[in-house]
């Protein structure tokens, strides 16, 4: 056998070995995730860890089944805690800034959000879904519904946040956002 034939055999052997290693690794990881079950026995098994506030395709973690109808946020705003809302806003700082004149991040700056028109922050590139709603305003109820489940409230928007399921947390956050405004709106009594 010539030298090139031996080289071809080595390459073919390496490819075959890589395939066997990939197959064995796949079987081992399947066993780690499912124990003795096969993947076909439980198609809806969750893998890995769930990160609060993160959204994955096909999941609906933002709104529990009991909360199908929108909550009237006005009642909860009457007893909202602005300081608690500031704490809720901390999970938003990865994508949004809150300072007057602050720069946009992954999401737009939130100063003067409450009462403003949808998709109105200059210099931010909104999704077509939000850009098409410029005639609407971010009122208390609109913010609550969006924060509960952004993908359901405005299908096609770019926000990847899963939502805030607790209505009082949303009310607290909205009350806080309202303070970040040149002219805060009066809260419901």
N, C-alpha and C. Protein backbone atom coordinates (compact mmCIF):
# COMPACT_ATOMS: atom_id res chain seq x y z
N UNK A 1 0.85 -1.17 0.00
CA UNK A 1 0.00 0.00 0.00
C UNK A 1 0.89 1.23 0.00
N UNK A 2 0.49 2.20 -0.77
CA UNK A 2 1.29 3.41 -0.87
C UNK A 2 1.07 4.32 0.32
N UNK A 3 1.91 5.34 0.44
CA UNK A 3 1.82 6.30 1.55
C UNK A 3 0.51 7.07 1.56
N UNK A 4 -0.03 7.41 0.39
CA UNK A 4 -1.28 8.18 0.36
C UNK A 4 -2.45 7.32 0.78
N UNK A 5 -2.41 6.00 0.49
CA UNK A 5 -3.48 5.10 0.91
C UNK A 5 -3.53 4.99 2.42
N UNK A 6 -2.36 4.97 3.05
CA UNK A 6 -2.30 4.89 4.50
C UNK A 6 -2.87 6.18 5.11
N UNK A 7 -2.55 7.31 4.48
CA UNK A 7 -3.07 8.60 4.98
C UNK A 7 -4.60 8.64 4.89
N UNK A 8 -5.15 8.15 3.79
CA UNK A 8 -6.61 8.12 3.63
C UNK A 8 -7.22 7.23 4.70
N UNK A 9 -6.60 6.10 4.99
CA UNK A 9 -7.10 5.21 6.04
C UNK A 9 -7.06 5.89 7.41
N UNK A 10 -6.00 6.64 7.66
CA UNK A 10 -5.90 7.37 8.94
C UNK A 10 -7.02 8.40 9.06
N UNK A 11 -7.26 9.14 7.99
CA UNK A 11 -8.32 10.16 8.00
C UNK A 11 -9.69 9.51 8.19
N UNK A 12 -9.94 8.43 7.45
CA UNK A 12 -11.23 7.74 7.58
C UNK A 12 -11.39 7.19 9.00
N UNK A 13 -10.33 6.65 9.57
CA UNK A 13 -10.37 6.15 10.94
C UNK A 13 -10.66 7.25 11.95
N UNK A 14 -10.05 8.43 11.74
CA UNK A 14 -10.27 9.55 12.64
C UNK A 14 -11.72 10.03 12.56
N UNK A 15 -12.28 10.09 11.34
CA UNK A 15 -13.68 10.51 11.17
C UNK A 15 -14.60 9.50 11.84
N UNK A 16 -14.34 8.22 11.65
CA UNK A 16 -15.15 7.17 12.27
C UNK A 16 -15.06 7.26 13.80
N UNK A 17 -13.87 7.45 14.33
CA UNK A 17 -13.68 7.58 15.77
C UNK A 17 -14.44 8.79 16.31
N UNK A 18 -14.38 9.92 15.61
CA UNK A 18 -15.10 11.13 16.04
C UNK A 18 -16.60 10.87 16.07
N UNK A 19 -17.12 10.14 15.08
CA UNK A 19 -18.55 9.80 15.06
C UNK A 19 -18.95 8.93 16.23
N UNK A 20 -18.12 7.95 16.55
CA UNK A 20 -18.40 7.06 17.68
C UNK A 20 -18.37 7.85 18.99
N UNK A 21 -17.40 8.73 19.15
CA UNK A 21 -17.31 9.56 20.36
C UNK A 21 -18.54 10.45 20.48
N UNK A 22 -18.98 11.06 19.37
CA UNK A 22 -20.17 11.92 19.40
C UNK A 22 -21.41 11.12 19.79
N UNK A 23 -21.54 9.90 19.27
CA UNK A 23 -22.70 9.06 19.58
C UNK A 23 -22.70 8.68 21.06
N UNK A 24 -21.56 8.25 21.57
CA UNK A 24 -21.46 7.85 22.98
C UNK A 24 -21.72 9.05 23.89
N UNK A 25 -21.18 10.21 23.54
CA UNK A 25 -21.42 11.42 24.34
C UNK A 25 -22.89 11.77 24.35
N UNK A 26 -23.56 11.66 23.21
CA UNK A 26 -24.99 11.94 23.13
C UNK A 26 -25.80 11.00 24.01
N UNK A 27 -25.45 9.72 23.97
CA UNK A 27 -26.16 8.74 24.80
C UNK A 27 -25.94 9.01 26.28
N UNK A 28 -24.71 9.38 26.64
CA UNK A 28 -24.41 9.67 28.04
C UNK A 28 -25.18 10.90 28.52
N UNK A 29 -25.22 11.95 27.71
CA UNK A 29 -25.94 13.16 28.13
C UNK A 29 -27.44 12.90 28.21
N UNK A 30 -27.96 12.08 27.32
CA UNK A 30 -29.37 11.68 27.37
C UNK A 30 -29.66 11.00 28.70
N UNK A 31 -28.76 10.12 29.12
CA UNK A 31 -28.92 9.42 30.39
C UNK A 31 -28.86 10.37 31.58
N UNK A 32 -28.01 11.38 31.50
CA UNK A 32 -27.91 12.34 32.60
C UNK A 32 -29.18 13.17 32.74
N UNK A 33 -29.77 13.55 31.63
CA UNK A 33 -30.98 14.38 31.68
C UNK A 33 -32.22 13.58 32.01
N UNK A 34 -32.33 12.39 31.51
CA UNK A 34 -33.57 11.65 31.65
C UNK A 34 -33.47 10.41 32.52
N UNK A 35 -32.34 10.13 33.07
CA UNK A 35 -32.20 8.92 33.87
C UNK A 35 -32.47 7.71 33.01
N UNK A 36 -33.40 6.87 33.44
CA UNK A 36 -33.69 5.65 32.67
C UNK A 36 -34.75 5.89 31.60
N UNK A 37 -35.39 7.07 31.58
CA UNK A 37 -36.38 7.37 30.55
C UNK A 37 -35.70 7.68 29.23
N UNK A 38 -36.35 7.37 28.16
CA UNK A 38 -35.84 7.82 26.87
C UNK A 38 -36.47 9.16 26.56
N UNK A 39 -35.90 9.90 25.62
CA UNK A 39 -36.42 11.22 25.24
C UNK A 39 -37.82 11.09 24.67
N UNK A 40 -38.16 9.92 24.12
CA UNK A 40 -39.47 9.74 23.51
C UNK A 40 -40.55 9.53 24.56
N UNK A 41 -40.19 9.09 25.77
CA UNK A 41 -41.17 8.85 26.82
C UNK A 41 -41.71 10.15 27.39
N UNK A 42 -40.92 11.20 27.41
CA UNK A 42 -41.34 12.46 28.01
C UNK A 42 -40.88 13.62 27.13
N UNK A 43 -41.68 13.94 26.13
CA UNK A 43 -41.30 14.98 25.18
C UNK A 43 -41.27 16.37 25.80
N UNK A 44 -41.92 16.54 26.94
CA UNK A 44 -42.03 17.87 27.55
C UNK A 44 -41.12 18.02 28.76
N UNK A 45 -40.15 17.15 28.92
CA UNK A 45 -39.22 17.24 30.05
C UNK A 45 -38.39 18.51 29.92
N UNK A 46 -38.20 19.20 31.03
CA UNK A 46 -37.37 20.41 31.02
C UNK A 46 -35.93 20.03 31.25
N UNK A 47 -35.04 20.67 30.50
CA UNK A 47 -33.62 20.40 30.64
C UNK A 47 -32.94 21.58 31.29
N UNK A 48 -31.89 21.30 32.01
CA UNK A 48 -31.06 22.36 32.57
C UNK A 48 -31.76 23.12 33.69
N UNK A 49 -31.43 24.39 33.81
CA UNK A 49 -31.92 25.23 34.88
C UNK A 49 -32.80 26.33 34.31
N UNK A 50 -33.81 26.75 35.08
CA UNK A 50 -34.65 27.86 34.69
C UNK A 50 -34.09 29.12 35.34
N UNK A 51 -33.92 30.16 34.55
CA UNK A 51 -33.43 31.44 35.05
C UNK A 51 -34.62 32.38 35.10
N UNK A 52 -34.93 32.90 36.30
CA UNK A 52 -36.06 33.79 36.45
C UNK A 52 -35.91 35.01 35.55
N UNK A 53 -36.99 35.32 34.83
CA UNK A 53 -36.98 36.49 33.96
C UNK A 53 -36.51 36.21 32.55
N UNK A 54 -35.91 35.03 32.33
CA UNK A 54 -35.46 34.69 30.99
C UNK A 54 -36.58 33.96 30.27
N UNK A 55 -36.67 34.16 28.97
CA UNK A 55 -37.70 33.51 28.20
C UNK A 55 -37.06 32.58 27.20
N UNK A 56 -37.65 31.38 27.08
CA UNK A 56 -37.19 30.45 26.07
C UNK A 56 -38.33 30.18 25.12
N UNK A 57 -38.02 29.78 23.90
CA UNK A 57 -39.05 29.51 22.90
C UNK A 57 -40.02 28.49 23.43
N UNK A 58 -41.30 28.76 23.22
CA UNK A 58 -42.33 27.81 23.57
C UNK A 58 -42.74 27.82 25.03
N UNK A 59 -42.18 28.66 25.85
CA UNK A 59 -42.59 28.70 27.25
C UNK A 59 -43.49 29.88 27.51
N UNK A 60 -44.34 29.72 28.50
CA UNK A 60 -45.20 30.80 28.92
C UNK A 60 -45.11 30.90 30.43
N UNK A 61 -44.06 31.52 30.92
CA UNK A 61 -43.86 31.61 32.36
C UNK A 61 -44.35 32.92 32.93
N UNK A 62 -44.74 33.87 32.09
CA UNK A 62 -45.04 35.20 32.56
C UNK A 62 -46.39 35.32 33.24
N UNK A 63 -47.42 34.66 32.73
CA UNK A 63 -48.75 34.84 33.26
C UNK A 63 -49.33 33.49 33.67
N UNK A 64 -49.64 33.32 34.96
CA UNK A 64 -50.24 32.07 35.38
C UNK A 64 -51.64 31.91 34.78
N UNK A 65 -52.12 30.67 34.69
CA UNK A 65 -53.42 30.39 34.09
C UNK A 65 -54.55 31.14 34.79
N UNK A 66 -54.44 31.35 36.10
CA UNK A 66 -55.49 32.03 36.85
C UNK A 66 -55.61 33.50 36.46
N UNK A 67 -54.61 34.06 35.78
CA UNK A 67 -54.62 35.48 35.46
C UNK A 67 -54.81 35.70 33.96
N UNK A 68 -55.88 35.12 33.40
CA UNK A 68 -56.15 35.27 31.98
C UNK A 68 -56.66 36.67 31.66
N UNK A 69 -57.54 37.21 32.52
CA UNK A 69 -58.05 38.55 32.29
C UNK A 69 -57.05 39.56 32.83
N UNK A 70 -56.88 40.70 32.11
CA UNK A 70 -55.96 41.72 32.62
C UNK A 70 -56.41 42.25 33.99
N UNK A 71 -55.46 42.44 34.84
CA UNK A 71 -55.73 42.98 36.17
C UNK A 71 -55.96 44.48 36.04
N UNK A 72 -56.96 45.00 36.76
CA UNK A 72 -57.16 46.45 36.80
C UNK A 72 -56.08 47.02 37.69
N UNK A 73 -55.04 47.55 37.08
CA UNK A 73 -53.85 47.98 37.82
C UNK A 73 -54.12 49.22 38.67
N UNK A 74 -55.16 49.98 38.35
CA UNK A 74 -55.48 51.20 39.09
C UNK A 74 -55.68 50.91 40.58
N UNK A 75 -56.36 49.81 40.89
CA UNK A 75 -56.60 49.46 42.30
C UNK A 75 -55.29 49.18 43.04
N UNK A 76 -54.37 48.53 42.35
CA UNK A 76 -53.09 48.19 42.98
C UNK A 76 -52.15 49.40 43.04
N UNK A 77 -52.28 50.31 42.08
CA UNK A 77 -51.46 51.52 42.10
C UNK A 77 -51.79 52.41 43.30
N UNK A 78 -53.03 52.35 43.75
CA UNK A 78 -53.45 53.15 44.90
C UNK A 78 -52.66 52.79 46.16
N UNK A 79 -52.19 51.55 46.23
CA UNK A 79 -51.40 51.13 47.40
C UNK A 79 -49.97 50.73 47.01
N UNK A 80 -49.51 51.23 45.88
CA UNK A 80 -48.18 50.88 45.38
C UNK A 80 -47.07 51.44 46.27
N UNK A 81 -45.97 50.72 46.33
CA UNK A 81 -44.80 51.09 47.11
C UNK A 81 -43.67 51.44 46.12
N UNK A 82 -43.38 52.74 45.99
CA UNK A 82 -42.38 53.22 45.04
C UNK A 82 -41.01 52.61 45.33
N UNK A 83 -40.64 52.50 46.60
CA UNK A 83 -39.34 51.94 46.97
C UNK A 83 -39.24 50.47 46.54
N UNK A 84 -40.34 49.72 46.74
CA UNK A 84 -40.36 48.32 46.29
C UNK A 84 -40.27 48.27 44.76
N UNK A 85 -40.89 49.22 44.09
CA UNK A 85 -40.82 49.29 42.63
C UNK A 85 -39.41 49.55 42.14
N UNK A 86 -38.67 50.35 42.89
CA UNK A 86 -37.27 50.60 42.55
C UNK A 86 -36.47 49.30 42.63
N UNK A 87 -36.80 48.47 43.60
CA UNK A 87 -36.15 47.16 43.73
C UNK A 87 -36.50 46.25 42.56
N UNK A 88 -37.77 46.26 42.13
CA UNK A 88 -38.19 45.45 40.98
C UNK A 88 -37.46 45.92 39.72
N UNK A 89 -37.23 47.23 39.60
CA UNK A 89 -36.57 47.79 38.41
C UNK A 89 -35.13 47.31 38.26
N UNK A 90 -34.53 46.81 39.33
CA UNK A 90 -33.13 46.37 39.24
C UNK A 90 -32.96 45.23 38.24
N UNK A 91 -34.00 44.39 38.07
CA UNK A 91 -33.87 43.31 37.10
C UNK A 91 -33.95 43.84 35.67
N UNK A 92 -34.34 45.10 35.50
CA UNK A 92 -34.46 45.72 34.17
C UNK A 92 -33.17 46.43 33.75
N UNK A 93 -32.26 46.64 34.69
CA UNK A 93 -31.07 47.45 34.40
C UNK A 93 -30.08 46.76 33.45
N UNK A 94 -30.24 45.48 33.23
CA UNK A 94 -29.37 44.80 32.27
C UNK A 94 -29.62 45.31 30.85
N UNK A 95 -30.83 45.79 30.60
CA UNK A 95 -31.19 46.23 29.25
C UNK A 95 -31.58 47.71 29.15
N UNK A 96 -32.01 48.31 30.25
CA UNK A 96 -32.53 49.67 30.22
C UNK A 96 -31.76 50.58 31.17
N UNK A 97 -31.65 51.86 30.80
CA UNK A 97 -31.14 52.86 31.74
C UNK A 97 -32.34 53.66 32.23
N UNK A 98 -32.19 54.29 33.38
CA UNK A 98 -33.32 54.99 34.00
C UNK A 98 -33.02 56.45 34.29
N UNK A 99 -31.83 56.91 33.98
CA UNK A 99 -31.44 58.29 34.27
C UNK A 99 -31.95 59.24 33.20
N UNK A 100 -32.28 60.46 33.63
CA UNK A 100 -32.70 61.48 32.67
C UNK A 100 -31.53 61.72 31.71
N UNK A 101 -31.82 61.60 30.42
CA UNK A 101 -30.78 61.78 29.41
C UNK A 101 -29.87 60.57 29.26
N UNK A 102 -30.19 59.47 29.94
CA UNK A 102 -29.37 58.26 29.87
C UNK A 102 -29.39 57.63 28.49
N UNK A 103 -28.35 56.89 28.20
CA UNK A 103 -28.24 56.25 26.90
C UNK A 103 -29.15 55.02 26.82
N UNK A 104 -29.50 54.69 25.59
CA UNK A 104 -30.25 53.46 25.35
C UNK A 104 -29.30 52.29 25.51
N UNK A 105 -29.84 51.20 25.97
CA UNK A 105 -29.08 49.96 26.03
C UNK A 105 -29.66 49.00 25.01
N UNK A 106 -29.80 47.76 25.40
CA UNK A 106 -30.49 46.79 24.55
C UNK A 106 -31.93 47.27 24.36
N UNK A 107 -32.48 47.87 25.41
CA UNK A 107 -33.81 48.48 25.35
C UNK A 107 -33.67 49.98 25.52
N UNK A 108 -34.76 50.72 25.27
CA UNK A 108 -34.70 52.18 25.36
C UNK A 108 -34.60 52.69 26.80
N UNK A 109 -34.06 53.90 26.96
CA UNK A 109 -34.03 54.57 28.25
C UNK A 109 -35.47 54.73 28.76
N UNK A 110 -35.66 54.57 30.05
CA UNK A 110 -37.01 54.57 30.62
C UNK A 110 -37.46 55.91 31.21
N UNK A 111 -36.62 56.94 31.16
CA UNK A 111 -37.02 58.25 31.69
C UNK A 111 -38.17 58.78 30.84
N UNK A 112 -39.20 59.33 31.46
CA UNK A 112 -40.39 59.87 30.79
C UNK A 112 -41.17 58.80 30.04
N UNK A 113 -41.11 57.56 30.47
CA UNK A 113 -41.85 56.48 29.80
C UNK A 113 -43.35 56.60 30.05
N UNK A 114 -43.74 56.72 31.33
CA UNK A 114 -45.16 56.73 31.68
C UNK A 114 -45.83 57.95 31.05
N UNK A 115 -46.87 57.67 30.28
CA UNK A 115 -47.62 58.74 29.61
C UNK A 115 -47.10 59.08 28.22
N UNK A 116 -45.95 58.54 27.84
CA UNK A 116 -45.39 58.83 26.51
C UNK A 116 -46.03 57.91 25.47
N UNK A 117 -45.85 58.25 24.20
CA UNK A 117 -46.34 57.42 23.11
C UNK A 117 -45.44 56.19 22.95
N UNK A 118 -46.02 55.11 22.47
CA UNK A 118 -45.24 53.92 22.16
C UNK A 118 -44.16 54.29 21.14
N UNK A 119 -43.04 53.67 21.22
CA UNK A 119 -41.95 53.81 20.25
C UNK A 119 -41.56 55.27 20.01
N UNK A 120 -41.46 56.05 21.09
CA UNK A 120 -41.22 57.49 20.93
C UNK A 120 -39.82 57.96 21.35
N UNK A 121 -38.98 57.07 21.80
CA UNK A 121 -37.65 57.49 22.24
C UNK A 121 -36.73 57.69 21.04
N UNK A 122 -36.30 58.92 20.84
CA UNK A 122 -35.43 59.25 19.71
C UNK A 122 -34.11 58.48 19.81
N UNK A 123 -33.64 57.99 18.69
CA UNK A 123 -32.36 57.30 18.66
C UNK A 123 -32.43 55.83 19.00
N UNK A 124 -33.63 55.30 19.25
CA UNK A 124 -33.75 53.87 19.53
C UNK A 124 -34.47 53.20 18.37
N UNK A 125 -34.00 52.05 17.96
CA UNK A 125 -34.58 51.31 16.85
C UNK A 125 -35.60 50.31 17.39
N UNK A 126 -36.88 50.65 17.27
CA UNK A 126 -37.95 49.80 17.76
C UNK A 126 -38.32 48.71 16.76
N UNK A 127 -38.96 47.67 17.26
CA UNK A 127 -39.48 46.62 16.38
C UNK A 127 -40.63 47.21 15.56
N UNK A 128 -40.93 46.57 14.46
CA UNK A 128 -42.06 47.00 13.62
C UNK A 128 -43.36 46.93 14.42
N UNK A 129 -43.47 45.95 15.32
CA UNK A 129 -44.69 45.79 16.12
C UNK A 129 -44.95 47.03 16.97
N UNK A 130 -43.92 47.54 17.65
CA UNK A 130 -44.10 48.74 18.48
C UNK A 130 -44.16 50.01 17.64
N UNK A 131 -43.38 50.07 16.58
CA UNK A 131 -43.38 51.25 15.72
C UNK A 131 -44.76 51.48 15.11
N UNK A 132 -45.48 50.42 14.86
CA UNK A 132 -46.82 50.53 14.30
C UNK A 132 -47.88 50.97 15.30
N UNK A 133 -47.49 51.20 16.55
CA UNK A 133 -48.45 51.57 17.59
C UNK A 133 -48.17 52.95 18.16
N UNK A 134 -47.53 53.82 17.39
CA UNK A 134 -47.14 55.14 17.89
C UNK A 134 -48.32 56.00 18.32
N UNK A 135 -49.52 55.66 17.91
CA UNK A 135 -50.70 56.43 18.31
C UNK A 135 -51.18 56.08 19.72
N UNK A 136 -50.66 54.99 20.31
CA UNK A 136 -51.02 54.59 21.67
C UNK A 136 -50.04 55.20 22.67
N UNK A 137 -50.50 55.33 23.91
CA UNK A 137 -49.66 55.87 24.98
C UNK A 137 -49.44 54.81 26.06
N UNK A 138 -48.29 54.94 26.72
CA UNK A 138 -47.96 54.06 27.83
C UNK A 138 -48.69 54.54 29.08
N UNK A 139 -49.96 54.21 29.19
CA UNK A 139 -50.72 54.49 30.40
C UNK A 139 -50.45 53.39 31.42
N UNK A 140 -51.05 53.53 32.59
CA UNK A 140 -50.81 52.56 33.65
C UNK A 140 -51.24 51.14 33.24
N UNK A 141 -52.43 51.02 32.65
CA UNK A 141 -52.95 49.71 32.26
C UNK A 141 -52.12 49.09 31.13
N UNK A 142 -51.74 49.91 30.16
CA UNK A 142 -50.92 49.41 29.05
C UNK A 142 -49.57 48.89 29.54
N UNK A 143 -48.97 49.64 30.46
CA UNK A 143 -47.70 49.20 31.03
C UNK A 143 -47.87 47.89 31.80
N UNK A 144 -48.94 47.77 32.57
CA UNK A 144 -49.17 46.55 33.34
C UNK A 144 -49.31 45.34 32.43
N UNK A 145 -50.10 45.48 31.38
CA UNK A 145 -50.30 44.36 30.47
C UNK A 145 -49.00 44.00 29.74
N UNK A 146 -48.23 45.00 29.35
CA UNK A 146 -46.97 44.74 28.67
C UNK A 146 -45.98 44.08 29.62
N UNK A 147 -45.87 44.59 30.84
CA UNK A 147 -44.93 44.03 31.80
C UNK A 147 -45.32 42.62 32.26
N UNK A 148 -46.61 42.30 32.21
CA UNK A 148 -47.06 40.96 32.58
C UNK A 148 -46.57 39.93 31.56
N UNK A 149 -46.61 40.28 30.28
CA UNK A 149 -46.19 39.35 29.24
C UNK A 149 -45.94 40.15 27.96
N UNK A 150 -44.73 40.64 27.77
CA UNK A 150 -44.43 41.49 26.61
C UNK A 150 -44.75 40.84 25.26
N UNK A 151 -44.49 39.57 25.12
CA UNK A 151 -44.73 38.89 23.83
C UNK A 151 -46.22 38.76 23.54
N UNK A 152 -47.02 38.56 24.56
CA UNK A 152 -48.47 38.43 24.37
C UNK A 152 -49.10 39.81 24.17
N UNK A 153 -48.64 40.78 24.92
CA UNK A 153 -49.21 42.13 24.84
C UNK A 153 -48.95 42.79 23.49
N UNK A 154 -47.73 42.69 23.00
CA UNK A 154 -47.36 43.26 21.70
C UNK A 154 -46.60 42.18 20.92
N UNK A 155 -47.34 41.29 20.26
CA UNK A 155 -46.67 40.22 19.50
C UNK A 155 -45.69 40.80 18.47
N UNK A 156 -44.51 40.23 18.42
CA UNK A 156 -43.51 40.66 17.46
C UNK A 156 -42.54 41.71 17.99
N UNK A 157 -42.69 42.13 19.26
CA UNK A 157 -41.73 43.09 19.80
C UNK A 157 -40.41 42.39 20.11
N UNK A 158 -39.33 43.16 20.27
CA UNK A 158 -37.98 42.61 20.44
C UNK A 158 -37.65 42.21 21.88
N UNK A 159 -38.48 42.62 22.84
CA UNK A 159 -38.14 42.39 24.24
C UNK A 159 -38.17 40.90 24.57
N UNK A 160 -37.08 40.40 25.12
CA UNK A 160 -36.98 38.97 25.43
C UNK A 160 -37.29 38.66 26.89
N UNK A 161 -37.72 39.63 27.66
CA UNK A 161 -38.06 39.44 29.07
C UNK A 161 -39.36 38.65 29.17
N UNK A 162 -39.40 37.67 30.04
CA UNK A 162 -40.58 36.80 30.18
C UNK A 162 -41.77 37.51 30.81
N UNK A 163 -41.53 38.51 31.63
CA UNK A 163 -42.64 39.23 32.25
C UNK A 163 -42.62 39.16 33.77
N UNK A 164 -43.49 39.95 34.38
CA UNK A 164 -43.63 39.99 35.84
C UNK A 164 -45.04 39.51 36.16
N UNK A 165 -45.14 38.32 36.72
CA UNK A 165 -46.46 37.72 36.94
C UNK A 165 -47.21 38.34 38.12
N UNK A 166 -46.51 38.84 39.13
CA UNK A 166 -47.16 39.38 40.32
C UNK A 166 -47.70 40.78 40.02
N UNK A 167 -49.04 40.96 40.07
CA UNK A 167 -49.63 42.27 39.74
C UNK A 167 -49.16 43.40 40.67
N UNK A 168 -48.95 43.11 41.95
CA UNK A 168 -48.51 44.16 42.87
C UNK A 168 -47.08 44.58 42.56
N UNK A 169 -46.23 43.63 42.17
CA UNK A 169 -44.88 44.00 41.75
C UNK A 169 -44.93 44.91 40.52
N UNK A 170 -45.83 44.60 39.60
CA UNK A 170 -45.99 45.46 38.42
C UNK A 170 -46.46 46.86 38.83
N UNK A 171 -47.42 46.93 39.74
CA UNK A 171 -47.92 48.22 40.21
C UNK A 171 -46.81 49.01 40.88
N UNK A 172 -46.02 48.36 41.70
CA UNK A 172 -44.90 49.03 42.37
C UNK A 172 -43.90 49.55 41.35
N UNK A 173 -43.58 48.74 40.34
CA UNK A 173 -42.65 49.16 39.29
C UNK A 173 -43.21 50.34 38.50
N UNK A 174 -44.47 50.29 38.15
CA UNK A 174 -45.10 51.39 37.38
C UNK A 174 -45.10 52.67 38.20
N UNK A 175 -45.39 52.56 39.51
CA UNK A 175 -45.36 53.74 40.38
C UNK A 175 -43.95 54.34 40.42
N UNK A 176 -42.95 53.48 40.47
CA UNK A 176 -41.56 53.95 40.44
C UNK A 176 -41.23 54.61 39.10
N UNK A 177 -41.59 53.95 38.00
CA UNK A 177 -41.34 54.52 36.67
C UNK A 177 -42.02 55.88 36.52
N UNK A 178 -43.18 56.04 37.14
CA UNK A 178 -43.90 57.30 37.07
C UNK A 178 -43.12 58.43 37.73
N UNK A 179 -42.29 58.10 38.74
CA UNK A 179 -41.49 59.13 39.40
C UNK A 179 -40.32 59.57 38.52
N UNK A 180 -39.96 58.73 37.54
CA UNK A 180 -38.86 59.04 36.62
C UNK A 180 -39.42 59.80 35.42
N UNK A 181 -39.97 60.96 35.71
CA UNK A 181 -40.72 61.68 34.70
C UNK A 181 -40.64 63.18 34.99
N UNK A 182 -40.50 63.96 33.95
CA UNK A 182 -40.50 65.41 34.14
C UNK A 182 -41.84 65.89 34.69
N UNK A 183 -42.92 65.23 34.30
CA UNK A 183 -44.27 65.55 34.78
C UNK A 183 -44.99 64.26 35.12
N UNK A 184 -44.75 63.72 36.32
CA UNK A 184 -45.41 62.46 36.70
C UNK A 184 -46.93 62.56 36.63
N UNK A 185 -47.57 61.47 36.21
CA UNK A 185 -49.01 61.43 36.15
C UNK A 185 -49.56 61.19 37.56
N UNK A 186 -50.74 61.74 37.87
CA UNK A 186 -51.33 61.44 39.19
C UNK A 186 -51.73 59.97 39.28
N UNK A 187 -51.34 59.35 40.37
CA UNK A 187 -51.70 57.95 40.59
C UNK A 187 -53.16 57.86 41.02
N UNK A 188 -53.83 56.76 40.68
CA UNK A 188 -55.22 56.57 41.14
C UNK A 188 -55.28 56.54 42.67
N UNK A 189 -56.37 57.02 43.20
CA UNK A 189 -56.58 57.02 44.66
C UNK A 189 -57.41 55.84 45.07
